[in-house]
């Protein structure tokens, strides 16, 4: 009878992990919860948001990235009703990643026929078990990234 065991061989994430997103690098330096920094984002095809993150402190738990599209810029106390939302879990649990590791999340918004316009987009991290958000110095712990043009191929 064999006993179960684990071989610590690291984590492999296939695909384009060695490529940098060649678009809109942030100069903000915001670190979510003191653990994850947004390095860059790219918006393409009128509905695809890609975010590049860097681990700056170890973080464990079931963390997800949310991306909200709002009708207008958000301020504390405003009614909160996203017109589009796309949550995504990283392909690898954050507990497997080390300081300096880069990860990407992809958010493809489902647009209804004829949906188009320029809207503010907000992003953040939340724990799927507790609904707690990683803190950032923005209202509701969600960072505005840009007003993006939806429904048009702008790549």
C-alpha atoms as a PDB file:
ATOM      1  CA  UNK A   1       0.000   0.000   0.000  1.00  0.00           C
ATOM      2  CA  UNK A   2       1.361   3.422  -1.029  1.00  0.00           C
ATOM      3  CA  UNK A   3       1.007   6.526   1.066  1.00  0.00           C
ATOM      4  CA  UNK A   4       0.108   9.820  -0.558  1.00  0.00           C
ATOM      5  CA  UNK A   5       2.912  12.299  -0.981  1.00  0.00           C
ATOM      6  CA  UNK A   6       3.589  15.620  -2.646  1.00  0.00           C
ATOM      7  CA  UNK A   7       6.516  16.429  -4.867  1.00  0.00           C
ATOM      8  CA  UNK A   8       7.377  20.145  -4.693  1.00  0.00           C
ATOM      9  CA  UNK A   9       8.139  20.819  -8.352  1.00  0.00           C
ATOM     10  CA  UNK A  10       6.704  24.310  -8.607  1.00  0.00           C
ATOM     11  CA  UNK A  11       3.926  25.670 -10.757  1.00  0.00           C
ATOM     12  CA  UNK A  12       3.698  25.831 -14.518  1.00  0.00           C
ATOM     13  CA  UNK A  13       1.271  28.182 -16.196  1.00  0.00           C
ATOM     14  CA  UNK A  14       1.118  27.554 -19.912  1.00  0.00           C
ATOM     15  CA  UNK A  15       0.582  30.093 -22.608  1.00  0.00           C
ATOM     16  CA  UNK A  16       2.149  33.502 -22.894  1.00  0.00           C
ATOM     17  CA  UNK A  17       3.411  33.989 -19.359  1.00  0.00           C
ATOM     18  CA  UNK A  18       6.728  35.319 -20.624  1.00  0.00           C
ATOM     19  CA  UNK A  19       5.206  38.152 -22.646  1.00  0.00           C
ATOM     20  CA  UNK A  20       4.482  41.597 -21.292  1.00  0.00           C
ATOM     21  CA  UNK A  21       1.191  43.218 -22.170  1.00  0.00           C
ATOM     22  CA  UNK A  22       2.223  45.841 -24.714  1.00  0.00           C
ATOM     23  CA  UNK A  23      -0.362  48.427 -23.854  1.00  0.00           C
ATOM     24  CA  UNK A  24      -1.321  50.972 -21.215  1.00  0.00           C
ATOM     25  CA  UNK A  25       1.141  50.452 -18.399  1.00  0.00           C
ATOM     26  CA  UNK A  26      -0.018  51.962 -15.153  1.00  0.00           C
ATOM     27  CA  UNK A  27       2.093  54.500 -13.327  1.00  0.00           C
ATOM     28  CA  UNK A  28      -0.225  54.509 -10.356  1.00  0.00           C
ATOM     29  CA  UNK A  29       1.725  51.961  -8.296  1.00  0.00           C
ATOM     30  CA  UNK A  30      -1.408  50.885  -6.425  1.00  0.00           C
ATOM     31  CA  UNK A  31      -0.916  47.654  -4.516  1.00  0.00           C
ATOM     32  CA  UNK A  32      -4.104  45.750  -3.697  1.00  0.00           C
ATOM     33  CA  UNK A  33      -4.117  44.671  -0.065  1.00  0.00           C
ATOM     34  CA  UNK A  34      -0.366  45.226   0.100  1.00  0.00           C
ATOM     35  CA  UNK A  35       0.039  42.046  -1.965  1.00  0.00           C
ATOM     36  CA  UNK A  36      -0.786  42.449  -5.682  1.00  0.00           C
ATOM     37  CA  UNK A  37       0.089  45.343  -8.003  1.00  0.00           C
ATOM     38  CA  UNK A  38      -1.487  46.101 -11.358  1.00  0.00           C
ATOM     39  CA  UNK A  39       1.343  46.559 -13.879  1.00  0.00           C
ATOM     40  CA  UNK A  40      -0.593  46.965 -17.113  1.00  0.00           C
ATOM     41  CA  UNK A  41      -3.886  46.483 -18.856  1.00  0.00           C
ATOM     42  CA  UNK A  42      -5.073  46.094 -22.412  1.00  0.00           C
ATOM     43  CA  UNK A  43      -8.549  46.498 -23.862  1.00  0.00           C
ATOM     44  CA  UNK A  44      -9.257  44.982 -27.272  1.00  0.00           C
ATOM     45  CA  UNK A  45     -12.121  44.086 -29.593  1.00  0.00           C
ATOM     46  CA  UNK A  46     -14.540  46.304 -27.697  1.00  0.00           C
ATOM     47  CA  UNK A  47     -15.126  43.769 -24.901  1.00  0.00           C
ATOM     48  CA  UNK A  48     -11.856  42.089 -23.813  1.00  0.00           C
ATOM     49  CA  UNK A  49      -9.952  43.419 -20.821  1.00  0.00           C
ATOM     50  CA  UNK A  50      -6.621  41.849 -19.937  1.00  0.00           C
ATOM     51  CA  UNK A  51      -4.865  42.700 -16.684  1.00  0.00           C
ATOM     52  CA  UNK A  52      -1.252  41.998 -15.768  1.00  0.00           C
ATOM     53  CA  UNK A  53      -0.484  41.675 -12.048  1.00  0.00           C
ATOM     54  CA  UNK A  54       2.680  41.298  -9.984  1.00  0.00           C
ATOM     55  CA  UNK A  55       2.900  39.591  -6.609  1.00  0.00           C
ATOM     56  CA  UNK A  56       4.602  41.932  -4.113  1.00  0.00           C
ATOM     57  CA  UNK A  57       3.756  40.002  -0.911  1.00  0.00           C
ATOM     58  CA  UNK A  58       2.613  36.389  -0.464  1.00  0.00           C
ATOM     59  CA  UNK A  59      -1.167  35.947  -0.416  1.00  0.00           C
ATOM     60  CA  UNK A  60      -3.255  32.836   0.152  1.00  0.00           C
ATOM     61  CA  UNK A  61      -6.960  32.185  -0.196  1.00  0.00           C
ATOM     62  CA  UNK A  62      -9.519  31.966  -2.974  1.00  0.00           C
ATOM     63  CA  UNK A  63      -9.032  35.420  -4.495  1.00  0.00           C
ATOM     64  CA  UNK A  64     -10.772  36.589  -7.665  1.00  0.00           C
ATOM     65  CA  UNK A  65     -10.506  39.701  -9.779  1.00  0.00           C
ATOM     66  CA  UNK A  66     -13.627  41.699 -10.561  1.00  0.00           C
ATOM     67  CA  UNK A  67     -14.085  44.171 -13.377  1.00  0.00           C
ATOM     68  CA  UNK A  68     -17.128  46.436 -13.239  1.00  0.00           C
ATOM     69  CA  UNK A  69     -18.392  48.694 -15.991  1.00  0.00           C
ATOM     70  CA  UNK A  70     -20.431  51.554 -14.554  1.00  0.00           C
ATOM     71  CA  UNK A  71     -22.747  54.111 -16.129  1.00  0.00           C
ATOM     72  CA  UNK A  72     -20.756  56.993 -14.606  1.00  0.00           C
ATOM     73  CA  UNK A  73     -17.696  57.515 -12.379  1.00  0.00           C
ATOM     74  CA  UNK A  74     -18.213  56.205  -8.834  1.00  0.00           C
ATOM     75  CA  UNK A  75     -17.906  58.149  -5.574  1.00  0.00           C
ATOM     76  CA  UNK A  76     -18.557  57.052  -1.991  1.00  0.00           C
ATOM     77  CA  UNK A  77     -22.274  56.986  -1.328  1.00  0.00           C
ATOM     78  CA  UNK A  78     -23.306  56.663  -4.981  1.00  0.00           C
ATOM     79  CA  UNK A  79     -25.795  53.986  -5.978  1.00  0.00           C
ATOM     80  CA  UNK A  80     -23.853  50.982  -7.172  1.00  0.00           C
ATOM     81  CA  UNK A  81     -25.296  49.193 -10.176  1.00  0.00           C
ATOM     82  CA  UNK A  82     -22.754  47.810 -12.678  1.00  0.00           C
ATOM     83  CA  UNK A  83     -24.028  47.629 -16.223  1.00  0.00           C
ATOM     84  CA  UNK A  84     -21.441  44.920 -17.015  1.00  0.00           C
ATOM     85  CA  UNK A  85     -19.377  42.689 -14.749  1.00  0.00           C
ATOM     86  CA  UNK A  86     -16.808  39.970 -15.328  1.00  0.00           C
ATOM     87  CA  UNK A  87     -15.122  38.166 -12.431  1.00  0.00           C
ATOM     88  CA  UNK A  88     -12.143  35.916 -13.090  1.00  0.00           C
ATOM     89  CA  UNK A  89     -10.054  33.611 -10.923  1.00  0.00           C
ATOM     90  CA  UNK A  90      -6.330  33.476 -11.681  1.00  0.00           C
ATOM     91  CA  UNK A  91      -5.311  30.271 -13.460  1.00  0.00           C
ATOM     92  CA  UNK A  92      -3.051  29.424 -10.512  1.00  0.00           C
ATOM     93  CA  UNK A  93      -3.879  29.833  -6.836  1.00  0.00           C
ATOM     94  CA  UNK A  94      -2.041  32.834  -5.428  1.00  0.00           C
ATOM     95  CA  UNK A  95      -0.643  30.590  -2.687  1.00  0.00           C
ATOM     96  CA  UNK A  96       1.612  28.955  -5.291  1.00  0.00           C
ATOM     97  CA  UNK A  97       3.085  32.246  -6.481  1.00  0.00           C
ATOM     98  CA  UNK A  98       6.113  34.037  -5.069  1.00  0.00           C
ATOM     99  CA  UNK A  99       7.101  37.674  -4.786  1.00  0.00           C
ATOM    100  CA  UNK A 100       7.948  38.985  -8.257  1.00  0.00           C
ATOM    101  CA  UNK A 101       5.790  36.469 -10.127  1.00  0.00           C
ATOM    102  CA  UNK A 102       3.566  37.889 -12.881  1.00  0.00           C
ATOM    103  CA  UNK A 103       0.049  36.670 -13.564  1.00  0.00           C
ATOM    104  CA  UNK A 104      -2.681  37.726 -15.926  1.00  0.00           C
ATOM    105  CA  UNK A 105      -6.428  37.727 -15.744  1.00  0.00           C
ATOM    106  CA  UNK A 106      -8.704  37.948 -18.772  1.00  0.00           C
ATOM    107  CA  UNK A 107     -12.168  39.481 -18.608  1.00  0.00           C
ATOM    108  CA  UNK A 108     -14.390  39.109 -21.679  1.00  0.00           C
ATOM    109  CA  UNK A 109     -17.625  41.038 -21.225  1.00  0.00           C
ATOM    110  CA  UNK A 110     -20.809  39.617 -22.705  1.00  0.00           C
ATOM    111  CA  UNK A 111     -22.333  42.469 -24.690  1.00  0.00           C
ATOM    112  CA  UNK A 112     -25.959  42.498 -25.754  1.00  0.00           C
ATOM    113  CA  UNK A 113     -26.687  43.215 -29.427  1.00  0.00           C
ATOM    114  CA  UNK A 114     -26.075  46.850 -30.177  1.00  0.00           C
ATOM    115  CA  UNK A 115     -24.394  47.623 -26.852  1.00  0.00           C
ATOM    116  CA  UNK A 116     -21.833  50.374 -27.391  1.00  0.00           C
ATOM    117  CA  UNK A 117     -20.453  53.393 -25.620  1.00  0.00           C
ATOM    118  CA  UNK A 118     -17.659  54.712 -23.468  1.00  0.00           C
ATOM    119  CA  UNK A 119     -17.889  53.779 -19.791  1.00  0.00           C
ATOM    120  CA  UNK A 120     -15.676  53.897 -16.698  1.00  0.00           C
ATOM    121  CA  UNK A 121     -14.167  50.555 -15.652  1.00  0.00           C
ATOM    122  CA  UNK A 122     -13.233  49.622 -12.084  1.00  0.00           C
ATOM    123  CA  UNK A 123     -11.222  46.631 -10.922  1.00  0.00           C
ATOM    124  CA  UNK A 124     -10.375  44.943  -7.657  1.00  0.00           C
ATOM    125  CA  UNK A 125      -9.798  41.685  -5.811  1.00  0.00           C
ATOM    126  CA  UNK A 126     -12.244  39.840  -3.554  1.00  0.00           C
ATOM    127  CA  UNK A 127     -12.144  36.635  -1.544  1.00  0.00           C
ATOM    128  CA  UNK A 128     -14.691  34.155  -2.925  1.00  0.00           C
ATOM    129  CA  UNK A 129     -15.261  32.647   0.538  1.00  0.00           C
ATOM    130  CA  UNK A 130     -15.639  35.815   2.639  1.00  0.00           C
ATOM    131  CA  UNK A 131     -16.479  38.455  -0.049  1.00  0.00           C
ATOM    132  CA  UNK A 132     -13.785  40.642   1.563  1.00  0.00           C
ATOM    133  CA  UNK A 133     -12.027  42.968  -0.893  1.00  0.00           C
ATOM    134  CA  UNK A 134      -8.314  43.675  -0.927  1.00  0.00           C
ATOM    135  CA  UNK A 135      -7.948  47.283   0.158  1.00  0.00           C
ATOM    136  CA  UNK A 136      -6.920  50.088  -2.155  1.00  0.00           C
ATOM    137  CA  UNK A 137      -7.105  53.860  -1.562  1.00  0.00           C
ATOM    138  CA  UNK A 138     -10.205  54.266  -3.731  1.00  0.00           C
ATOM    139  CA  UNK A 139     -13.914  54.273  -2.866  1.00  0.00           C
ATOM    140  CA  UNK A 140     -15.365  50.787  -2.269  1.00  0.00           C
ATOM    141  CA  UNK A 141     -11.859  49.261  -2.660  1.00  0.00           C
ATOM    142  CA  UNK A 142     -12.106  49.315  -6.428  1.00  0.00           C
ATOM    143  CA  UNK A 143      -9.605  51.073  -8.639  1.00  0.00           C
ATOM    144  CA  UNK A 144     -10.694  53.055 -11.710  1.00  0.00           C
ATOM    145  CA  UNK A 145      -8.557  52.143 -14.699  1.00  0.00           C
ATOM    146  CA  UNK A 146     -10.048  54.103 -17.601  1.00  0.00           C
ATOM    147  CA  UNK A 147     -13.078  55.022 -19.601  1.00  0.00           C
ATOM    148  CA  UNK A 148     -13.169  52.308 -22.255  1.00  0.00           C
ATOM    149  CA  UNK A 149     -15.050  52.193 -25.545  1.00  0.00           C
ATOM    150  CA  UNK A 150     -17.272  49.106 -25.620  1.00  0.00           C
ATOM    151  CA  UNK A 151     -18.764  47.531 -28.692  1.00  0.00           C
ATOM    152  CA  UNK A 152     -16.108  48.785 -31.098  1.00  0.00           C
ATOM    153  CA  UNK A 153     -12.975  47.042 -32.335  1.00  0.00           C
ATOM    154  CA  UNK A 154     -10.343  49.444 -31.012  1.00  0.00           C
ATOM    155  CA  UNK A 155      -7.328  47.134 -30.877  1.00  0.00           C
END
